[in-house]
Amino acid sequence: MRPLKTMHRSRRDASWIRKHLTGYGFVSPWIIGFILLTAGPMIFSLYLSLTRATLLSPPKWVGLDNYLHMVADDPLFFTSLWNTVYFVAFSVPLGLLVSLILALLLHQRLKGIGVFRTVFFLPSITNMVAVSVLWLWIFNPEFGLINTFLDAFGIRGPMWLQSESWAKPALIIMSLWGIGGTMIIFLAALQGVPQNLYEAAELDGAGKIRKFWHVTLPMISPAFVFNLIIGVIGSFQVFTQAFVMTGGAQPGSEGGPNNATLFYVLYLYKKAFQEFRMGYASALAWVLFIIILLCTVVLMKMSKSRVYYEGVDQK
């Protein structure tokens, strides 16, 4: 009997191995890609952040010196961090507000509404370098589109990108160009709101504002939180606009007048690819990763009691 049981067990084990090997075979391209293209570079970057590494010399172990220097002896670190936080604090709420308004306007059953949805979405998939060149002309203080429009009303336009006080607001205004993706997510969420909820609210005497506040907003709150988190993550990594529009591509230029548009990732780029300080740039990258991770965790924790999921008990 024992040999028979052993034979059954071995067959069962072989079947289990074949079954699972098939599954692992299907996911192995992703696993290999993740190890080679994500996990491996991240681990190597963490190692570099603890060394004094350049492109011209081998890494030299310095421990936490890069992080200590960042906090104690590098004022541009705090300048770039402040510029980035400023950009996030204004561009994300503004983008959410405008994209939600657009989604509400485009959430109509009108003939040809799909054309308008496409028109408002297309700018978000345009190459950012080309968009930056376009907005350079729009913000030109002499013959730019915005100042020409203001001149028609007798208003003297600001210097925009050439002004320390207006450079960041200009890039925040420009960020509205890319809200098409956010708008589409809001639009999809609006289309998923059950019509019977609006009918029930109307029976209770609710007007448009109350229906929006008590029906629409709770029902699209998951999409709102998703857009908020994605917006924060993306805005912390703002780079191309400052690089192209405010002289960030030029060695020795710190980005904008008096470092006004020296954003964090632009500063990281300069340390890595202009000064070739790979160890210090890696430390900057890990600090940014931790900041974004903390912001994401905080936003997700705060949203638990404020997000409504249909069919899920809210505690």
Protein backbone atom coordinates (compact mmCIF):
# COMPACT_ATOMS: atom_id res chain seq x y z
CA MET A 1 0.00 0.00 0.00
CA ARG A 2 2.82 2.41 0.76
CA PRO A 3 4.33 2.29 -2.73
CA LEU A 4 0.84 2.96 -4.16
CA LYS A 5 0.32 5.97 -1.87
CA THR A 6 3.78 7.23 -2.70
CA MET A 7 3.04 6.93 -6.42
CA HIS A 8 -0.24 8.87 -6.04
CA ARG A 9 1.52 11.56 -4.03
CA SER A 10 4.32 11.90 -6.59
CA ARG A 11 1.78 12.22 -9.41
CA ARG A 12 -0.12 14.84 -7.44
CA ASP A 13 3.09 16.74 -6.75
CA ALA A 14 4.09 16.59 -10.42
CA SER A 15 0.66 17.88 -11.45
CA TRP A 16 0.91 20.70 -8.90
CA ILE A 17 4.37 21.66 -10.19
CA ARG A 18 3.24 21.65 -13.84
CA LYS A 19 0.18 23.73 -12.99
CA HIS A 20 2.12 26.36 -11.09
CA LEU A 21 5.06 26.40 -13.48
CA THR A 22 2.62 27.37 -16.22
CA GLY A 23 1.41 30.31 -14.16
CA TYR A 24 4.92 31.39 -13.26
CA GLY A 25 5.88 31.09 -16.91
CA PHE A 26 3.18 33.57 -17.90
CA VAL A 27 4.18 36.13 -15.26
CA SER A 28 7.93 35.60 -15.63
CA PRO A 29 8.37 38.36 -18.29
CA TRP A 30 6.91 40.87 -15.85
CA ILE A 31 8.97 39.51 -12.93
CA ILE A 32 12.19 39.61 -14.96
CA GLY A 33 11.40 43.09 -16.25
CA PHE A 34 10.59 44.32 -12.74
CA ILE A 35 13.85 42.96 -11.34
CA LEU A 36 16.01 44.28 -14.18
CA LEU A 37 14.28 47.61 -14.85
CA THR A 38 12.82 48.63 -11.48
CA ALA A 39 13.98 46.75 -8.39
CA GLY A 40 17.60 46.41 -9.53
CA PRO A 41 18.09 50.08 -10.43
CA MET A 42 16.35 51.15 -7.20
CA ILE A 43 18.66 49.03 -5.05
CA PHE A 44 21.70 50.28 -6.96
CA SER A 45 20.46 53.87 -6.57
CA LEU A 46 20.12 53.34 -2.81
CA TYR A 47 23.71 52.10 -2.72
CA LEU A 48 24.90 55.10 -4.77
CA SER A 49 23.14 57.48 -2.38
CA LEU A 50 25.49 56.26 0.35
CA THR A 51 28.60 56.88 -1.74
CA ARG A 52 30.50 59.74 -3.35
CA ALA A 53 30.04 58.61 -6.94
CA THR A 54 30.74 60.44 -10.19
CA LEU A 55 30.94 59.31 -13.80
CA LEU A 56 34.72 59.74 -13.71
CA SER A 57 35.57 57.93 -10.48
CA PRO A 58 34.47 54.74 -8.71
CA PRO A 59 31.96 55.03 -5.84
CA LYS A 60 33.48 55.80 -2.43
CA TRP A 61 31.45 54.86 0.64
CA VAL A 62 30.46 57.93 2.70
CA GLY A 63 27.43 56.62 4.60
CA LEU A 64 24.83 59.30 5.28
CA ASP A 65 27.08 62.22 4.32
CA ASN A 66 25.04 63.03 1.20
CA TYR A 67 21.85 63.29 3.25
CA LEU A 68 23.52 65.35 5.98
CA HIS A 69 25.04 67.72 3.42
CA MET A 70 21.64 68.08 1.78
CA VAL A 71 20.02 69.27 5.00
CA ALA A 72 22.89 71.24 6.54
CA ASP A 73 24.90 72.75 3.68
CA ASP A 74 22.76 72.92 0.54
CA PRO A 75 20.38 75.91 0.45
CA LEU A 76 19.32 75.06 -3.11
CA PHE A 77 17.86 71.80 -1.82
CA PHE A 78 15.35 73.74 0.27
CA THR A 79 14.79 76.25 -2.55
CA SER A 80 13.94 73.49 -5.00
CA LEU A 81 11.75 71.72 -2.44
CA TRP A 82 9.85 74.93 -1.65
CA ASN A 83 9.31 75.69 -5.35
CA THR A 84 7.97 72.18 -5.88
CA VAL A 85 5.66 72.28 -2.85
CA TYR A 86 4.35 75.67 -4.03
CA PHE A 87 3.65 74.22 -7.47
CA VAL A 88 1.89 71.16 -6.00
CA ALA A 89 -0.18 73.24 -3.56
CA PHE A 90 -1.66 75.42 -6.31
CA SER A 91 -1.57 73.35 -9.50
CA VAL A 92 -3.26 70.23 -8.08
CA PRO A 93 -6.37 71.91 -6.57
CA LEU A 94 -6.69 74.20 -9.60
CA GLY A 95 -6.41 71.26 -11.98
CA LEU A 96 -8.99 69.23 -10.04
CA LEU A 97 -11.44 72.14 -9.97
CA VAL A 98 -11.17 73.00 -13.67
CA SER A 99 -11.23 69.37 -14.80
CA LEU A 100 -14.33 68.68 -12.68
CA ILE A 101 -16.09 71.73 -14.14
CA LEU A 102 -15.21 70.59 -17.66
CA ALA A 103 -16.43 67.07 -16.90
CA LEU A 104 -19.75 68.44 -15.63
CA LEU A 105 -20.14 70.59 -18.75
CA LEU A 106 -19.31 67.67 -21.04
CA HIS A 107 -21.60 65.28 -19.15
CA GLN A 108 -24.49 66.19 -21.40
CA ARG A 109 -26.52 64.21 -23.90
CA LEU A 110 -26.04 66.58 -26.80
CA LYS A 111 -25.40 65.96 -30.47
CA GLY A 112 -21.68 66.11 -31.21
CA ILE A 113 -20.65 66.16 -27.54
CA GLY A 114 -18.02 63.51 -28.32
CA VAL A 115 -16.18 66.01 -30.53
CA PHE A 116 -15.88 68.47 -27.65
CA ARG A 117 -14.69 65.72 -25.30
CA THR A 118 -11.99 64.80 -27.80
CA VAL A 119 -10.93 68.42 -28.25
CA PHE A 120 -10.48 68.94 -24.51
CA PHE A 121 -8.67 65.61 -24.07
CA LEU A 122 -6.17 65.85 -26.95
CA PRO A 123 -3.89 68.51 -25.37
CA SER A 124 -3.10 66.14 -22.49
CA ILE A 125 -1.40 63.66 -24.85
CA THR A 126 0.63 66.29 -26.71
CA ASN A 127 4.42 66.11 -26.34
CA MET A 128 5.39 68.30 -23.38
CA VAL A 129 8.47 69.74 -25.11
CA ALA A 130 6.32 70.97 -28.00
CA VAL A 131 3.75 72.30 -25.54
CA SER A 132 6.48 74.15 -23.63
CA VAL A 133 7.68 75.84 -26.82
CA LEU A 134 4.10 76.88 -27.59
CA TRP A 135 3.63 78.36 -24.12
CA LEU A 136 6.94 80.21 -24.42
CA TRP A 137 5.28 82.20 -27.19
CA ILE A 138 2.03 82.59 -25.25
CA PHE A 139 3.92 84.02 -22.24
CA ASN A 140 6.20 86.27 -24.29
CA PRO A 141 5.96 89.70 -22.58
CA GLU A 142 6.30 91.64 -25.86
CA PHE A 143 4.08 89.86 -28.40
CA GLY A 144 2.68 86.88 -26.50
CA LEU A 145 -0.97 85.93 -26.77
CA ILE A 146 -1.84 86.68 -23.13
CA ASN A 147 -0.22 90.12 -22.94
CA THR A 148 -1.62 91.07 -26.36
CA PHE A 149 -5.08 90.23 -25.05
CA LEU A 150 -4.49 92.25 -21.87
CA ASP A 151 -3.19 95.22 -23.89
CA ALA A 152 -6.50 95.32 -25.76
CA PHE A 153 -8.13 96.28 -22.43
CA GLY A 154 -5.41 98.72 -21.45
CA ILE A 155 -3.85 96.32 -18.93
CA ARG A 156 -0.07 96.03 -18.84
CA GLY A 157 0.79 92.34 -18.67
CA PRO A 158 3.51 90.98 -16.39
CA MET A 159 6.88 89.68 -17.53
CA TRP A 160 5.72 86.13 -16.79
CA LEU A 161 8.67 83.75 -17.09
CA GLN A 162 11.17 86.60 -16.78
CA SER A 163 9.72 87.71 -13.45
CA GLU A 164 10.61 86.05 -10.16
CA SER A 165 7.12 86.59 -8.77
CA TRP A 166 5.25 85.48 -11.91
CA ALA A 167 7.37 82.55 -13.16
CA LYS A 168 5.78 79.89 -10.93
CA PRO A 169 2.20 81.16 -11.44
CA ALA A 170 2.84 81.06 -15.20
CA LEU A 171 3.81 77.38 -15.04
CA ILE A 172 0.81 76.67 -12.80
CA ILE A 173 -1.48 78.22 -15.42
CA MET A 174 0.27 76.16 -18.09
CA SER A 175 -0.36 72.97 -16.09
CA LEU A 176 -4.06 73.28 -16.97
CA TRP A 177 -3.08 72.22 -20.48
CA GLY A 178 -2.72 68.63 -19.26
CA ILE A 179 -5.97 68.15 -17.34
CA GLY A 180 -7.61 66.10 -20.10
CA GLY A 181 -6.84 62.77 -18.42
CA THR A 182 -8.24 63.96 -15.10
CA MET A 183 -11.34 65.26 -16.87
CA ILE A 184 -11.94 61.89 -18.56
CA ILE A 185 -11.75 60.06 -15.22
CA PHE A 186 -14.25 62.50 -13.68
CA LEU A 187 -16.49 62.10 -16.73
CA ALA A 188 -16.43 58.31 -16.42
CA ALA A 189 -17.30 58.61 -12.72
CA LEU A 190 -20.20 60.96 -13.49
CA GLN A 191 -21.58 58.52 -16.04
CA GLY A 192 -21.54 55.82 -13.36
CA VAL A 193 -23.79 57.72 -10.94
CA PRO A 194 -27.20 55.94 -10.84
CA GLN A 195 -29.98 58.14 -12.19
CA ASN A 196 -32.42 56.90 -9.55
CA LEU A 197 -30.41 58.72 -6.86
CA TYR A 198 -31.09 62.04 -8.58
CA GLU A 199 -34.76 61.14 -8.93
CA ALA A 200 -34.98 60.31 -5.22
CA ALA A 201 -33.27 63.60 -4.35
CA GLU A 202 -35.74 65.52 -6.53
CA LEU A 203 -38.63 63.87 -4.71
CA ASP A 204 -37.11 65.18 -1.47
CA GLY A 205 -37.10 68.68 -2.93
CA ALA A 206 -33.36 68.93 -3.62
CA GLY A 207 -32.21 71.52 -6.12
CA LYS A 208 -29.18 71.34 -8.42
CA ILE A 209 -26.70 72.46 -5.79
CA ARG A 210 -27.95 70.02 -3.16
CA LYS A 211 -28.00 67.17 -5.70
CA PHE A 212 -24.42 67.95 -6.64
CA TRP A 213 -23.28 68.22 -3.02
CA HIS A 214 -25.16 65.24 -1.57
CA VAL A 215 -25.34 62.89 -4.56
CA THR A 216 -22.74 63.68 -7.21
CA LEU A 217 -19.74 64.45 -4.99
CA PRO A 218 -20.10 61.39 -2.73
CA MET A 219 -20.57 59.10 -5.72
CA ILE A 220 -17.51 60.39 -7.58
CA SER A 221 -15.36 60.69 -4.44
CA PRO A 222 -13.24 57.60 -5.34
CA ALA A 223 -12.36 59.22 -8.67
CA PHE A 224 -11.66 62.50 -6.88
CA VAL A 225 -9.21 60.86 -4.46
CA PHE A 226 -7.57 58.93 -7.29
CA ASN A 227 -7.07 62.11 -9.31
CA LEU A 228 -5.80 63.91 -6.22
CA ILE A 229 -3.15 61.29 -5.47
CA ILE A 230 -2.06 60.95 -9.10
CA GLY A 231 -1.95 64.76 -9.38
CA VAL A 232 0.25 65.11 -6.30
CA ILE A 233 2.62 62.39 -7.50
CA GLY A 234 2.89 63.92 -10.96
CA SER A 235 3.27 67.51 -9.76
CA PHE A 236 6.10 66.61 -7.40
CA GLN A 237 7.96 65.41 -10.51
CA VAL A 238 7.46 68.58 -12.59
CA PHE A 239 10.49 68.99 -14.83
CA THR A 240 10.03 69.52 -18.56
CA GLN A 241 8.35 72.92 -18.37
CA ALA A 242 11.10 74.48 -16.28
CA PHE A 243 13.82 72.70 -18.24
CA VAL A 244 12.63 74.02 -21.61
CA MET A 245 11.03 77.36 -20.71
CA THR A 246 13.19 78.92 -18.01
CA GLY A 247 16.75 78.11 -19.01
CA GLY A 248 17.07 74.91 -17.04
CA ALA A 249 18.74 73.19 -19.98
CA GLN A 250 21.71 75.57 -19.86
CA PRO A 251 24.66 74.59 -17.62
CA GLY A 252 25.07 77.16 -14.87
CA SER A 253 21.47 78.32 -15.14
CA GLU A 254 19.53 77.23 -12.09
CA GLY A 255 16.10 77.61 -13.63
CA GLY A 256 14.23 80.88 -13.87
CA PRO A 257 14.96 84.30 -12.38
CA ASN A 258 16.61 83.94 -8.97
CA ASN A 259 15.89 80.18 -8.92
CA ALA A 260 12.14 80.83 -9.10
CA THR A 261 11.52 77.69 -11.17
CA LEU A 262 14.28 75.49 -9.80
CA PHE A 263 12.01 72.53 -9.15
CA TYR A 264 13.21 69.46 -7.27
CA VAL A 265 13.56 67.11 -10.24
CA LEU A 266 15.28 69.83 -12.27
CA TYR A 267 17.78 70.27 -9.44
CA LEU A 268 18.25 66.49 -9.30
CA TYR A 269 18.87 66.45 -13.06
CA LYS A 270 21.51 69.15 -12.77
CA LYS A 271 23.36 67.30 -10.04
CA ALA A 272 23.28 64.05 -12.02
CA PHE A 273 23.84 65.10 -15.63
CA GLN A 274 25.53 68.50 -15.46
CA GLU A 275 27.71 68.11 -12.37
CA PHE A 276 27.85 64.27 -12.68
CA ARG A 277 27.41 63.83 -8.90
CA MET A 278 25.55 60.55 -9.15
CA GLY A 279 25.76 59.73 -5.45
CA TYR A 280 24.26 63.04 -4.37
CA ALA A 281 21.61 62.88 -7.12
CA SER A 282 20.64 59.39 -5.93
CA ALA A 283 20.22 60.72 -2.40
CA LEU A 284 17.98 63.49 -3.76
CA ALA A 285 15.94 60.88 -5.62
CA TRP A 286 15.40 58.80 -2.47
CA VAL A 287 14.34 61.85 -0.47
CA LEU A 288 11.78 62.65 -3.18
CA PHE A 289 10.58 59.03 -3.13
CA ILE A 290 10.05 59.19 0.64
CA ILE A 291 8.22 62.54 0.40
CA ILE A 292 5.87 61.25 -2.31
CA LEU A 293 5.32 58.00 -0.41
CA LEU A 294 4.42 59.85 2.80
CA CYS A 295 2.06 62.20 0.95
CA THR A 296 0.36 59.23 -0.72
CA VAL A 297 -0.06 57.33 2.55
CA VAL A 298 -1.43 60.42 4.34
CA LEU A 299 -3.92 61.15 1.55
CA MET A 300 -5.11 57.53 1.48
CA LYS A 301 -5.51 57.46 5.27
CA MET A 302 -7.41 60.75 5.28
CA SER A 303 -9.67 59.63 2.45
CA LYS A 304 -10.90 56.45 4.15
CA SER A 305 -13.61 58.26 6.10
CA ARG A 306 -14.45 60.65 3.26
CA VAL A 307 -14.75 58.37 0.26
CA TYR A 308 -18.02 56.61 -0.51
CA TYR A 309 -17.96 53.18 -2.16
CA GLU A 310 -21.35 51.89 -3.27
CA GLY A 311 -22.25 48.65 -1.54
CA VAL A 312 -19.59 49.04 1.16
CA ASP A 313 -20.49 49.84 4.75
CA GLN A 314 -19.02 53.20 5.79
CA LYS A 315 -17.56 53.12 9.29
